[in-house]
Amino acid sequence: MNTSLSQVQQLQRESGAGILQCRNALKTAASYEDAVKILQGVQANQATKQQGQETAIAKIFTYTHHNNTVASMVKVSAKTDFVLNTPELQTVIKGILLTAAFHRINTLETLNQSPLASDESTTVQQAVDKLAATLKEPIVLSHLTTLGA
């Protein structure tokens, strides 16, 4: 597939992958959609490799609905506190907590398989894998709690 700079940049924005990964995916793929699938596979492989790594730093994230009728809380672990403070991680975790609150989810297994409330084409696990690949560090969710009035 012929690749243009604008296609590479668009794929990078959408996937969070590096420029070279995006360019190589576009070169080997038959279409743009195939390139997206290639990068998703690469990100899933990177996330699998990172799963065995130690995540020693943790932070608690919370979401409370504006009318205080539902709230969600999750513990997020990573190798460094730098990653836990990035705007990218905080945005993704907010979306995950919104999903947990909206669907009243209390187990991580169910949450990981659920589509994000903000992007129904992406599951929570896919969002975490993509984020871990983008930030180049393992990210682990644990201790999910959702309370509803």
Foldseek 3Di string as FASTA:
>chain_A
DDDDPVLLVVLCVVQLDDSVLLVVLVVPDPDSVSSNVVSLVVLVVLQVVQPPPDFDDKDKDKDAPPVRFKMKIKIKTWNDVVLVPDPLNVVLVNQLRVQCGVVVDADPVVQQQAAGPVGNVDGNVSSQSSSCNNVVIHMDIDDMDMDGD
